[in-house]
Amino acid sequence: MKFSIITVSLNSGSKLLETVENILKQTCRDFEIIIKDGGSTDGSLSKVKDLNSPFVKIYEEPDSGIYDAMNRAVKYASGEYVLFLNAGDKFYSGDVLERIALMDLPDKGTIVYGDTYFVAWDSLSKAPPVITGSVCYRNIPCHQAIFYSRDTLLERGFDTSYRIRADFEHFAYSFFEAHRKFIYAGFPICLYEGNGVSESKANKRLDKEEYKRAVRTNIPMGKRFVYRATLILTLHRLRGALARNPKTAQFYQKIKGKFYG
């Protein structure tokens, strides 16, 4: 099984090189690194080129944003499975690809996901062992922890009308409309740096608006009502605050992990 690890970048500074060097440490060597650069002028791309690595493929072309860049990059990928790591994000350990390859996954119609270590909150977030409609509604796994079989992205890529929530919308579509097969890896996939585009104060409102639009588009009204009621009854706002507070995140994630177990 071959993997395509995609990083889209635009003036990412030293973080781009950090991510590439981390990927190159994987024990499984059947992979390629696709860098889709939108026209960096900060010298970040030249540092990656200096590595002269046969695993790295660089494509420089303009794009209309992060999700357009991701869609374009998929067309260059040759691996059966695709993972997106943003500049600054890393694999949790050196054997992630090796462990995924040992799962003997089908080539098509499948999405594999795992756990995420949130660096900003110093905590490991366990993903739900089974994807349900309720899971899709409340919070999908971090996209840096999701392996897509390449056909799922070629058949229907990310909706570029979304600036922040296209990965959520695609996941919801894959579950409710396309009925993809979801498989839980059962171990940590990535180190997520945090403080991404959707987490900035300026984009909080847009994030909520796009989330609501994606939910209305993909989830039937009756199910939305049930899922919303469930969130309220299970104190989702309080749980979210605990998960994002460095002082309480580790304790909360341990409790959540036991619950999933």
Protein backbone atom coordinates (compact mmCIF):
# COMPACT_ATOMS: atom_id res chain seq x y z
CA MET A 1 0.00 0.00 0.00
CA LYS A 2 1.30 3.42 -0.97
CA PHE A 3 0.49 6.62 0.92
CA SER A 4 0.36 10.19 -0.33
CA ILE A 5 1.00 12.74 2.41
CA ILE A 6 -0.17 16.15 1.24
CA THR A 7 0.93 19.48 2.64
CA VAL A 8 -0.48 22.68 1.17
CA SER A 9 1.56 25.76 1.93
CA LEU A 10 1.88 29.47 1.44
CA ASN A 11 4.68 31.29 3.25
CA SER A 12 4.77 28.69 6.03
CA GLY A 13 8.25 29.59 7.24
CA SER A 14 10.28 26.94 9.07
CA LYS A 15 7.17 24.89 9.83
CA LEU A 16 7.06 23.44 6.32
CA LEU A 17 10.54 21.96 6.64
CA GLU A 18 9.73 20.63 10.13
CA THR A 19 6.71 18.77 8.79
CA VAL A 20 8.56 17.31 5.81
CA GLU A 21 11.49 16.14 7.95
CA ASN A 22 9.05 14.50 10.36
CA ILE A 23 7.29 12.61 7.55
CA LEU A 24 10.62 11.38 6.17
CA LYS A 25 11.24 9.55 9.47
CA GLN A 26 8.42 7.05 8.86
CA THR A 27 9.56 3.42 9.00
CA CYS A 28 7.22 2.51 6.15
CA ARG A 29 8.96 3.78 3.03
CA ASP A 30 6.13 3.35 0.52
CA PHE A 31 4.96 6.93 0.51
CA GLU A 32 5.27 10.23 -1.28
CA ILE A 33 5.10 13.77 0.03
CA ILE A 34 3.04 16.09 -2.15
CA ILE A 35 3.68 19.76 -1.49
CA LYS A 36 1.20 22.06 -3.18
CA ASP A 37 2.54 25.59 -2.83
CA GLY A 38 0.45 28.61 -3.73
CA GLY A 39 3.39 30.91 -4.44
CA SER A 40 5.52 31.29 -1.33
CA THR A 41 7.97 34.18 -1.21
CA ASP A 42 9.50 33.56 2.24
CA GLY A 43 12.09 30.99 1.19
CA SER A 44 10.28 28.12 2.93
CA LEU A 45 10.03 26.09 -0.26
CA SER A 46 13.72 26.43 -1.13
CA LYS A 47 14.68 24.80 2.17
CA VAL A 48 12.59 21.76 1.30
CA LYS A 49 14.10 21.64 -2.19
CA ASP A 50 17.56 21.62 -0.61
CA LEU A 51 16.74 18.24 0.96
CA ASN A 52 16.79 16.79 -2.55
CA SER A 53 14.62 13.92 -1.33
CA PRO A 54 13.17 11.42 -3.84
CA PHE A 55 10.08 11.19 -1.61
CA VAL A 56 9.18 14.85 -2.07
CA LYS A 57 7.20 16.14 -5.05
CA ILE A 58 6.61 19.89 -5.27
CA TYR A 59 3.91 21.58 -7.33
CA GLU A 60 3.90 25.35 -7.53
CA GLU A 61 0.73 26.91 -8.86
CA PRO A 62 -1.80 29.51 -7.75
CA ASP A 63 -5.00 28.46 -6.04
CA SER A 64 -8.09 30.08 -4.57
CA GLY A 65 -7.54 28.90 -0.99
CA ILE A 66 -6.62 25.97 1.22
CA TYR A 67 -9.38 23.60 0.06
CA ASP A 68 -8.80 24.36 -3.61
CA ALA A 69 -5.12 23.63 -2.97
CA MET A 70 -6.01 20.33 -1.30
CA ASN A 71 -8.24 19.30 -4.21
CA ARG A 72 -5.53 20.16 -6.71
CA ALA A 73 -2.92 18.21 -4.74
CA VAL A 74 -5.06 15.05 -4.71
CA LYS A 75 -4.91 14.96 -8.51
CA TYR A 76 -1.12 14.64 -8.30
CA ALA A 77 -1.22 11.87 -5.69
CA SER A 78 -0.48 8.28 -6.67
CA GLY A 79 -1.03 6.57 -3.30
CA GLU A 80 -4.05 4.43 -2.48
CA TYR A 81 -4.54 6.48 0.69
CA VAL A 82 -4.17 10.22 1.24
CA LEU A 83 -3.48 12.13 4.45
CA PHE A 84 -3.31 15.92 4.82
CA LEU A 85 -0.72 17.35 7.22
CA ASN A 86 -0.57 21.11 7.46
CA ALA A 87 2.76 22.87 7.81
CA GLY A 88 3.67 22.54 11.49
CA ASP A 89 1.75 19.30 12.03
CA LYS A 90 3.55 15.99 12.46
CA PHE A 91 3.05 12.25 12.77
CA TYR A 92 2.60 11.11 16.35
CA SER A 93 5.24 8.40 15.94
CA GLY A 94 7.57 7.00 13.31
CA ASP A 95 5.52 3.86 12.70
CA VAL A 96 2.11 5.37 11.90
CA LEU A 97 2.17 4.47 8.20
CA GLU A 98 3.53 1.01 8.96
CA ARG A 99 0.67 0.32 11.37
CA ILE A 100 -1.94 1.59 8.91
CA ALA A 101 -0.45 -0.59 6.15
CA LEU A 102 -0.74 -3.65 8.39
CA MET A 103 -4.50 -3.12 8.66
CA ASP A 104 -4.92 -4.56 5.13
CA LEU A 105 -7.46 -1.95 4.09
CA PRO A 106 -9.65 -1.98 0.97
CA ASP A 107 -8.43 0.23 -1.87
CA LYS A 108 -11.67 2.12 -2.40
CA GLY A 109 -14.57 3.77 -0.61
CA THR A 110 -12.92 3.86 2.80
CA ILE A 111 -11.98 6.49 5.38
CA VAL A 112 -9.61 5.53 8.21
CA TYR A 113 -9.22 7.74 11.25
CA GLY A 114 -7.35 7.73 14.53
CA ASP A 115 -6.54 9.73 17.65
CA THR A 116 -5.02 13.22 17.80
CA TYR A 117 -2.50 14.71 20.19
CA PHE A 118 -3.32 18.40 20.61
CA VAL A 119 -0.03 20.17 21.25
CA ALA A 120 -1.67 23.44 22.28
CA TRP A 121 -3.60 21.67 25.05
CA ASP A 122 -0.96 19.02 25.84
CA SER A 123 -3.50 16.21 25.64
CA LEU A 124 -4.30 13.12 23.58
CA SER A 125 -7.84 13.15 22.22
CA LYS A 126 -9.36 9.73 21.67
CA ALA A 127 -11.54 9.44 18.58
CA PRO A 128 -14.86 7.59 18.83
CA PRO A 129 -14.45 3.91 17.93
CA VAL A 130 -17.55 4.03 15.72
CA ILE A 131 -18.68 6.87 13.48
CA THR A 132 -22.39 7.60 13.90
CA GLY A 133 -24.66 10.41 12.79
CA SER A 134 -24.38 11.95 16.22
CA VAL A 135 -20.58 11.89 16.00
CA CYS A 136 -20.69 13.64 12.62
CA TYR A 137 -23.00 16.29 14.03
CA ARG A 138 -21.00 17.15 17.11
CA ASN A 139 -17.33 16.85 16.16
CA ILE A 140 -15.49 14.81 13.55
CA PRO A 141 -11.92 13.55 14.02
CA CYS A 142 -9.19 16.06 13.21
CA HIS A 143 -8.50 15.94 9.45
CA GLN A 144 -4.79 15.47 10.17
CA ALA A 145 -5.79 12.12 11.66
CA ILE A 146 -7.88 10.96 8.68
CA PHE A 147 -6.67 8.74 5.83
CA TYR A 148 -8.92 8.93 2.77
CA SER A 149 -8.85 6.29 0.08
CA ARG A 150 -7.90 8.42 -2.90
CA ASP A 151 -11.00 7.54 -4.90
CA THR A 152 -13.25 9.18 -2.28
CA LEU A 153 -11.52 12.51 -2.88
CA LEU A 154 -11.34 12.20 -6.65
CA GLU A 155 -15.02 11.33 -6.87
CA ARG A 156 -16.06 14.28 -4.72
CA GLY A 157 -13.48 16.69 -3.36
CA PHE A 158 -13.79 19.43 -0.76
CA ASP A 159 -16.47 22.06 -1.40
CA THR A 160 -14.47 25.22 -2.01
CA SER A 161 -17.43 27.47 -1.18
CA TYR A 162 -16.42 26.77 2.43
CA ARG A 163 -13.41 28.66 3.74
CA ILE A 164 -13.10 26.86 7.08
CA ARG A 165 -15.49 23.91 7.33
CA ALA A 166 -15.03 22.06 4.02
CA ASP A 167 -13.37 19.11 5.77
CA PHE A 168 -16.35 18.81 8.14
CA GLU A 169 -18.80 19.12 5.25
CA HIS A 170 -16.96 16.43 3.29
CA PHE A 171 -16.97 14.07 6.28
CA ALA A 172 -20.71 14.59 6.82
CA TYR A 173 -21.37 14.05 3.12
CA SER A 174 -19.29 10.87 3.18
CA PHE A 175 -21.37 9.48 6.05
CA PHE A 176 -24.91 10.61 5.25
CA GLU A 177 -24.88 10.75 1.45
CA ALA A 178 -22.04 8.61 0.07
CA HIS A 179 -22.23 5.98 2.85
CA ARG A 180 -18.48 5.46 2.99
CA LYS A 181 -16.91 2.79 5.15
CA PHE A 182 -15.28 4.24 8.28
CA ILE A 183 -12.56 2.34 10.13
CA TYR A 184 -11.02 3.33 13.46
CA ALA A 185 -7.27 2.77 13.57
CA GLY A 186 -7.21 2.64 17.38
CA PHE A 187 -4.01 4.62 17.91
CA PRO A 188 -2.70 8.21 17.64
CA ILE A 189 -2.04 9.45 14.12
CA CYS A 190 -0.83 13.01 14.45
CA LEU A 191 0.53 15.81 16.55
CA TYR A 192 -1.81 18.68 15.79
CA GLU A 193 -0.19 22.03 16.40
CA GLY A 194 -3.49 23.84 16.92
CA ASN A 195 -4.27 27.53 16.44
CA GLY A 196 -5.44 26.89 12.91
CA VAL A 197 -7.53 29.12 10.66
CA SER A 198 -10.84 28.13 12.22
CA GLU A 199 -9.55 28.78 15.74
CA SER A 200 -8.65 32.43 15.29
CA LYS A 201 -10.98 34.96 16.88
CA ALA A 202 -11.63 36.63 13.54
CA ASN A 203 -12.99 33.40 12.05
CA LYS A 204 -15.10 32.12 14.95
CA ARG A 205 -18.31 33.56 13.51
CA LEU A 206 -17.62 32.24 10.02
CA ASP A 207 -16.79 28.86 11.50
CA LYS A 208 -20.22 28.66 13.15
CA GLU A 209 -22.02 29.84 10.02
CA GLU A 210 -20.31 27.27 7.82
CA TYR A 211 -20.91 24.52 10.34
CA LYS A 212 -24.64 25.27 10.33
CA ARG A 213 -24.74 25.33 6.53
CA ALA A 214 -22.93 22.00 6.27
CA VAL A 215 -25.30 20.44 8.80
CA ARG A 216 -28.40 21.71 6.97
CA THR A 217 -27.01 20.48 3.66
CA ASN A 218 -26.15 16.94 4.74
CA ILE A 219 -28.19 15.98 7.81
CA PRO A 220 -32.00 15.55 7.76
CA MET A 221 -33.96 17.94 9.98
CA GLY A 222 -35.38 15.26 12.28
CA LYS A 223 -31.94 13.85 13.00
CA ARG A 224 -30.51 17.32 13.56
CA PHE A 225 -33.11 17.92 16.27
CA VAL A 226 -32.22 14.67 18.07
CA TYR A 227 -28.48 15.28 17.82
CA ARG A 228 -28.83 18.86 19.08
CA ALA A 229 -30.92 17.76 22.04
CA THR A 230 -28.33 15.13 22.89
CA LEU A 231 -25.55 17.71 22.90
CA ILE A 232 -27.47 19.98 25.23
CA LEU A 233 -28.32 17.17 27.64
CA THR A 234 -24.69 16.00 27.74
CA LEU A 235 -23.33 19.49 28.53
CA HIS A 236 -21.32 19.83 25.35
CA ARG A 237 -20.29 23.45 26.02
CA LEU A 238 -18.81 22.52 29.37
CA ARG A 239 -17.06 19.50 27.89
CA GLY A 240 -15.63 21.65 25.10
CA ALA A 241 -14.28 24.15 27.60
CA LEU A 242 -12.64 21.36 29.61
CA ALA A 243 -11.08 19.84 26.49
CA ARG A 244 -9.52 23.15 25.43
CA ASN A 245 -8.16 24.25 28.77
CA PRO A 246 -4.54 23.14 29.31
CA LYS A 247 -5.24 22.73 33.02
CA THR A 248 -8.13 20.30 32.52
CA ALA A 249 -7.57 18.83 29.03
CA GLN A 250 -5.54 15.78 30.10
CA PHE A 251 -8.02 14.81 32.81
CA TYR A 252 -10.98 15.28 30.48
CA GLN A 253 -9.41 13.24 27.66
CA LYS A 254 -8.62 10.38 30.05
CA ILE A 255 -12.25 10.26 31.14
CA LYS A 256 -13.43 10.42 27.53
CA GLY A 257 -11.02 7.65 26.56
CA LYS A 258 -12.39 5.39 29.28
CA PHE A 259 -15.93 6.13 28.14
CA TYR A 260 -15.11 5.19 24.55
CA GLY A 261 -13.32 2.10 25.78
